[in-house]
Protein backbone atom coordinates (compact mmCIF):
# COMPACT_ATOMS: atom_id res chain seq x y z
CA MET A 1 27.69 -3.97 42.34
CA SER A 2 29.62 -7.09 41.59
CA ALA A 3 29.79 -8.26 37.97
CA LYS A 4 28.80 -11.71 39.23
CA ASP A 5 25.50 -10.49 40.63
CA PRO A 6 22.81 -12.67 38.97
CA LYS A 7 20.36 -9.75 38.97
CA ARG A 8 22.74 -7.46 37.17
CA ASN A 9 20.62 -7.43 34.00
CA GLU A 10 17.47 -6.32 35.79
CA ILE A 11 18.52 -3.29 37.85
CA SER A 12 20.63 -0.18 37.64
CA VAL A 13 20.06 0.20 33.92
CA PRO A 14 19.90 3.38 31.81
CA TYR A 15 16.66 5.12 30.96
CA VAL A 16 15.05 6.14 27.69
CA TYR A 17 12.05 8.40 27.17
CA THR A 18 9.02 7.29 25.21
CA PHE A 19 5.60 8.83 24.78
CA GLY A 20 6.18 11.17 27.72
CA GLN A 21 6.98 8.32 30.11
CA VAL A 22 10.21 6.94 31.52
CA GLU A 23 10.90 3.32 30.57
CA GLN A 24 13.81 1.11 31.53
CA SER A 25 16.16 0.40 28.68
CA ILE A 26 17.32 -3.13 27.93
CA PRO A 27 20.92 -3.86 28.99
CA ALA A 28 23.17 -5.70 26.58
CA GLU A 29 24.70 -9.05 27.38
CA SER A 30 28.48 -9.01 27.61
CA SER A 31 28.69 -10.95 24.31
CA GLN A 32 26.64 -8.34 22.48
CA SER A 33 28.68 -5.60 20.85
CA HIS A 34 27.82 -1.94 21.31
CA GLU A 35 29.98 -1.15 18.30
CA ASN A 36 27.65 -2.87 15.82
CA PRO A 37 24.13 -1.89 16.85
CA GLY A 38 21.22 -3.32 14.94
CA GLU A 39 19.11 -1.19 12.65
CA VAL A 40 15.37 -0.72 13.02
CA VAL A 41 13.78 0.51 9.81
CA GLU A 42 10.08 1.34 10.05
CA ARG A 43 7.86 1.38 6.98
CA ILE A 44 4.17 1.79 6.25
CA GLY A 45 2.57 -1.16 4.45
CA ASN A 46 1.45 -4.75 4.93
CA ILE A 47 3.94 -7.32 6.22
CA PHE A 48 2.38 -10.02 4.02
CA ASP A 49 3.50 -8.07 0.96
CA ALA A 50 7.12 -8.79 1.88
CA PRO A 51 9.25 -10.42 -0.86
CA GLN A 52 9.26 -14.21 -1.11
CA ASP A 53 11.76 -16.06 1.15
CA SER A 54 11.74 -13.24 3.69
CA VAL A 55 11.64 -14.00 7.41
CA LEU A 56 8.41 -12.93 9.11
CA ILE A 57 9.02 -12.41 12.83
CA HIS A 58 6.42 -12.38 15.57
CA ALA A 59 6.35 -12.70 19.36
CA CYS A 60 4.81 -15.81 20.94
CA ASN A 61 3.85 -17.31 24.24
CA CYS A 62 5.25 -20.75 25.10
CA GLN A 63 1.87 -22.49 25.04
CA GLY A 64 1.61 -22.80 21.25
CA GLU A 65 -1.29 -20.34 20.95
CA TRP A 66 -1.48 -17.92 18.00
CA GLY A 67 -4.72 -16.36 19.12
CA SER A 68 -4.51 -12.64 18.44
CA GLY A 69 -2.84 -9.90 16.46
CA ILE A 70 -0.24 -10.78 13.84
CA ALA A 71 -0.02 -14.33 15.25
CA ALA A 72 -3.67 -14.98 14.42
CA ALA A 73 -3.14 -13.64 10.89
CA MET A 74 -0.15 -15.98 10.47
CA ARG A 75 -2.15 -18.91 11.79
CA ASP A 76 -4.71 -18.35 9.03
CA ARG A 77 -2.13 -17.83 6.29
CA PHE A 78 0.36 -20.50 7.35
CA PRO A 79 -1.61 -23.36 8.93
CA GLU A 80 1.17 -25.91 8.39
CA ALA A 81 3.71 -23.68 10.16
CA TYR A 82 1.19 -23.28 12.97
CA ARG A 83 0.78 -27.05 13.23
CA LEU A 84 4.55 -27.46 13.52
CA HIS A 85 4.71 -24.73 16.13
CA ARG A 86 2.00 -26.35 18.24
CA ALA A 87 3.77 -29.70 18.09
CA PHE A 88 7.08 -28.05 18.99
CA CYS A 89 5.63 -26.34 22.07
CA LYS A 90 3.89 -29.52 23.22
CA ALA A 91 7.14 -31.49 22.90
CA GLN A 92 9.02 -28.91 24.95
CA VAL A 93 6.44 -29.11 27.73
CA VAL A 94 6.65 -32.91 27.79
CA ALA A 95 10.45 -32.79 27.86
CA ASP A 96 10.42 -29.97 30.42
CA THR A 97 12.74 -27.98 28.17
CA PRO A 98 12.55 -24.20 28.64
CA VAL A 99 12.13 -22.27 25.41
CA ILE A 100 11.56 -18.79 26.84
CA GLY A 101 14.03 -16.33 25.35
CA THR A 102 14.69 -18.51 22.30
CA THR A 103 13.34 -18.59 18.74
CA GLN A 104 11.76 -21.33 16.66
CA LEU A 105 12.69 -20.77 13.02
CA ILE A 106 10.25 -22.57 10.72
CA PRO A 107 11.34 -23.02 7.08
CA PRO A 108 8.82 -22.42 4.27
CA GLN A 109 6.27 -25.25 4.16
CA LYS A 110 5.07 -26.56 0.81
CA GLU A 111 1.39 -26.40 1.71
CA ASP A 112 1.67 -22.86 3.04
CA ALA A 113 3.78 -21.69 0.09
CA THR A 114 1.06 -22.79 -2.31
CA LYS A 115 -1.50 -20.76 -0.41
CA SER A 116 0.40 -17.73 0.87
CA GLY A 117 3.92 -17.74 -0.60
CA ARG A 118 7.35 -18.92 0.55
CA TYR A 119 8.21 -17.41 3.92
CA TRP A 120 10.34 -18.35 6.89
CA ILE A 121 8.42 -17.89 10.16
CA ALA A 122 10.42 -16.83 13.22
CA CYS A 123 8.58 -17.40 16.49
CA LEU A 124 10.17 -15.43 19.33
CA PHE A 125 9.25 -16.87 22.73
CA THR A 126 8.97 -13.66 24.71
CA SER A 127 6.39 -14.60 27.37
CA LEU A 128 5.76 -17.91 29.10
CA ARG A 129 2.00 -17.46 29.05
CA TYR A 130 -0.58 -15.07 27.63
CA GLY A 131 -3.58 -13.07 28.78
CA ARG A 132 -3.66 -12.18 32.45
CA ARG A 133 -0.82 -14.61 33.16
CA LYS A 134 1.62 -13.04 30.72
CA ASP A 135 5.07 -12.07 31.96
CA LYS A 136 5.89 -8.58 33.22
CA PRO A 137 6.77 -6.05 30.49
CA PHE A 138 10.42 -5.68 31.49
CA ARG A 139 10.89 -9.46 31.62
CA ILE A 140 9.28 -9.76 28.16
CA ALA A 141 11.72 -7.13 26.87
CA ILE A 142 14.67 -9.11 28.26
CA ASN A 143 13.28 -12.31 26.70
CA THR A 144 12.92 -10.44 23.40
CA ARG A 145 16.57 -9.42 23.50
CA ASP A 146 17.60 -13.05 24.09
CA ALA A 147 15.23 -14.40 21.44
CA PHE A 148 16.64 -12.05 18.78
CA ALA A 149 20.15 -13.17 19.72
CA ASP A 150 19.04 -16.79 19.28
CA LEU A 151 17.39 -15.94 15.94
CA LYS A 152 20.64 -14.41 14.73
CA LYS A 153 22.51 -17.60 15.59
CA LYS A 154 19.94 -19.81 13.89
CA LEU A 155 20.07 -17.69 10.71
CA GLN A 156 23.85 -17.97 10.70
CA ASP A 157 23.58 -21.74 11.09
CA VAL A 158 21.20 -21.96 8.12
CA SER A 159 23.52 -19.83 5.98
CA ALA A 160 26.53 -21.93 6.96
CA GLY A 161 24.72 -25.09 5.92
CA THR A 162 23.95 -23.83 2.43
CA ASN A 163 27.56 -23.25 1.35
CA GLY A 164 26.94 -19.57 0.94
CA ILE A 165 23.77 -19.93 -1.18
CA GLU A 166 21.38 -17.14 -0.20
CA LEU A 167 18.13 -18.84 0.78
CA ILE A 168 16.85 -16.33 3.31
CA GLY A 169 15.77 -12.81 2.43
CA LYS A 170 15.30 -9.76 4.60
CA LEU A 171 13.82 -9.78 8.10
CA TYR A 172 10.37 -8.29 8.62
CA THR A 173 8.24 -7.82 11.70
CA VAL A 174 5.54 -5.58 13.15
CA ARG A 175 5.56 -3.73 16.47
CA ILE A 176 5.71 -6.99 18.41
CA ASN A 177 4.88 -7.17 22.13
CA ALA A 178 3.04 -3.85 21.99
CA LYS A 179 -0.56 -5.05 22.09
CA ALA A 180 -1.17 -8.45 23.67
CA PHE A 181 1.92 -8.20 25.91
CA ASN A 182 1.59 -4.46 26.63
CA VAL A 183 5.31 -3.71 26.29
CA PRO A 184 6.33 -0.14 25.32
CA TRP A 185 7.63 -0.07 21.76
CA ALA A 186 10.80 1.74 22.86
CA SER A 187 11.80 -1.29 24.96
CA THR A 188 11.27 -3.77 22.12
CA ARG A 189 13.04 -1.43 19.72
CA ARG A 190 16.04 -1.40 22.04
CA ALA A 191 16.03 -5.20 22.17
CA ILE A 192 16.09 -5.34 18.36
CA GLN A 193 18.98 -2.90 18.18
CA LEU A 194 21.02 -5.07 20.53
CA SER A 195 20.72 -7.98 18.08
CA GLY A 196 23.07 -6.34 15.61
CA MET A 197 20.64 -7.21 12.78
CA LYS A 198 18.65 -5.04 10.40
CA ILE A 199 14.95 -5.53 11.02
CA ILE A 200 12.23 -3.91 8.90
CA VAL A 201 9.16 -3.07 10.96
CA ILE A 202 5.94 -2.78 8.97
CA ASN A 203 3.07 -0.67 10.26
CA ASN A 204 -0.26 -1.40 8.57
CA VAL A 205 -1.95 1.92 9.36
CA ALA A 206 -4.92 1.00 7.16
CA ILE A 207 -6.32 -1.37 9.80
CA MET A 208 -5.44 0.67 12.89
CA GLY A 209 -7.85 2.66 14.99
CA ASP A 210 -7.47 6.43 15.05
CA LYS A 211 -5.57 6.53 18.36
CA GLU A 212 -3.14 3.75 17.50
CA ARG A 213 -2.53 5.11 14.00
CA ASP A 214 -1.80 8.60 15.31
CA GLU A 215 0.58 7.21 17.93
CA VAL A 216 2.46 5.13 15.35
CA LEU A 217 2.75 8.01 12.86
CA SER A 218 3.94 10.35 15.61
CA SER A 219 6.48 7.80 16.82
CA MET A 220 7.79 7.22 13.29
CA GLY A 221 8.16 10.97 12.92
CA ARG A 222 10.22 11.21 16.10
CA TYR A 223 12.47 8.38 14.97
CA GLY A 224 12.77 9.90 11.49
CA GLN A 225 11.30 6.80 9.82
CA ASP A 226 9.62 6.80 6.40
CA LEU A 227 8.76 10.48 6.76
CA GLU A 228 7.49 10.94 3.21
CA LYS A 229 4.90 8.18 3.58
CA VAL A 230 3.95 9.37 7.05
CA GLN A 231 3.15 12.78 5.60
CA GLN A 232 1.29 11.22 2.66
CA VAL A 233 -0.92 9.24 5.03
CA ARG A 234 -1.57 12.26 7.24
CA THR A 235 -2.47 14.37 4.21
CA GLY A 236 -4.68 11.65 2.76
CA LEU A 237 -6.53 11.14 6.03
CA ALA A 238 -7.12 14.88 6.35
CA GLU A 239 -8.56 15.00 2.83
CA LEU A 240 -10.76 12.00 3.51
CA HIS A 241 -12.02 13.60 6.70
CA ASN A 242 -13.12 16.65 4.73
CA VAL A 243 -14.98 14.52 2.18
CA MET A 244 -16.69 12.09 4.52
CA GLN A 245 -19.29 13.13 7.01
CA LYS A 246 -18.24 10.35 9.36
CA PRO A 247 -14.69 9.14 10.17
CA LEU A 248 -13.31 5.80 9.01
CA ALA A 249 -14.20 2.82 11.16
CA ILE A 250 -13.06 -0.80 11.26
CA VAL A 251 -15.59 -3.60 10.75
CA PRO A 252 -15.36 -7.39 10.28
CA ALA A 253 -15.17 -8.71 6.75
CA ASN A 254 -18.65 -10.20 7.07
CA GLY A 255 -19.93 -6.63 7.15
CA ARG A 256 -19.35 -6.31 3.39
CA LYS A 257 -22.90 -5.20 2.68
CA ARG A 258 -24.89 -2.02 2.68
CA LEU A 259 -24.97 -0.50 6.13
CA ARG A 260 -28.15 0.67 7.76
CA ASP A 261 -27.21 4.34 7.45
CA GLY A 262 -26.48 4.03 3.72
CA GLY A 263 -22.72 3.60 4.01
CA SER A 264 -20.64 0.92 2.35
CA VAL A 265 -17.48 -1.06 3.02
CA ASP A 266 -14.39 0.23 1.25
CA PRO A 267 -12.68 -2.92 -0.16
CA THR A 268 -9.45 -1.08 -1.00
CA PHE A 269 -8.62 -0.92 2.69
CA ALA A 270 -9.47 -4.57 3.33
CA ASP A 271 -6.79 -6.54 5.17
CA ASP A 272 -6.87 -10.01 3.65
CA GLY A 273 -10.59 -10.37 4.31
CA LYS A 274 -10.24 -9.81 8.04
CA HIS A 275 -11.15 -6.17 8.39
CA ALA A 276 -12.04 -3.27 6.18
CA LEU A 277 -12.29 0.45 6.63
CA VAL A 278 -15.81 1.78 6.28
CA LYS A 279 -16.97 5.02 4.77
CA ARG A 280 -20.40 6.21 5.81
CA SER A 281 -22.73 8.97 4.68
CA LYS A 282 -26.12 10.28 5.70
CA LEU A 283 -26.75 11.47 2.16
CA GLY A 284 -29.57 9.63 0.46
CA GLY A 285 -31.15 9.30 -2.96
CA ASP A 286 -29.16 10.19 -6.05
CA ASN A 287 -26.58 12.10 -3.99
CA GLN A 288 -25.46 8.91 -2.23
CA ASP A 289 -23.56 7.40 -5.16
CA GLU A 290 -22.09 10.78 -6.09
CA HIS A 291 -20.83 11.27 -2.55
CA GLU A 292 -19.27 7.79 -2.42
CA ASN A 293 -17.62 8.24 -5.82
CA GLN A 294 -16.13 11.52 -4.65
CA ALA A 295 -14.77 9.85 -1.50
CA ALA A 296 -13.34 6.94 -3.49
CA THR A 297 -11.60 9.27 -5.95
CA THR A 298 -10.02 11.27 -3.14
CA LYS A 299 -8.92 8.06 -1.41
CA ASP A 300 -7.35 6.65 -4.57
CA GLN A 301 -5.35 9.81 -5.14
CA SER A 302 -4.14 10.39 -1.60
CA VAL A 303 -4.12 7.46 0.80
CA GLU A 304 -3.95 4.30 -1.31
CA THR A 305 -0.49 5.11 -2.68
CA ALA A 306 0.69 5.87 0.83
CA ILE A 307 -0.19 2.47 2.31
CA GLN A 308 0.20 -0.08 -0.48
CA GLY A 309 3.12 -2.49 -0.50
CA ILE A 310 6.36 -2.24 1.47
CA ASN A 311 8.89 0.48 0.91
CA ALA A 312 11.90 -1.68 1.63
């Protein structure tokens, strides 16, 4: 195939294996070096516990909507950044300027910093639209590769304009593209590696469902990421399962009240008021409080230390 073929980047590419399936790997642009691959470091924790001045990275559509997942959490925590993002997307539509495959880097906003801390917000435009009209997974992966390359350039421009003064901290993200855009994590991981940057991926297992949490922990084990914490979480969950008569479940924050079956919301696992893990018991009478105290003690000793903060 000729090197000038415009479809070169979309066919005849290598393969990688993920979760028992075969997925197309993301080819590198000619300007991207294979000699300096990026580093993907996965950790268990909460991305919003990242140090001040860090860059928080998430994947976006080009319509200015932060409606689900980590984007929705950022919209609530950083409303001024969200306002700027909406205005930016609207201006690009009016000017008919394509932004797909690029990144909007939003500096810390004073109003947001007062509420949620000083953070740079990196918005990677990986799909033109969202929902049923989202781009195909492989196209999103290609856009992710290009958006990370653009982010790298923008970060270099910021650094160059500060005369060497370090204003930007480490780069943090979650498993972007995986949920709303339905892109296999292996493809996005490959796109990050091609950026040549070190990206810390935070997995908040405390708010995941059983299936997703098990998949993430298994994947981290295969990649050799944060193995000590992975084992701590697995051990803690096993101990909790033995103590509780019912498994953990996720409920909205407005469910912070006694449940009909006598259970109660566990505030330690709350995710910024959005969700909380619930412990339930059929025990009644005087044994109810004793049972809940036993569960809380086991949780404090096993799981809490495994999921708090970021092990950067």
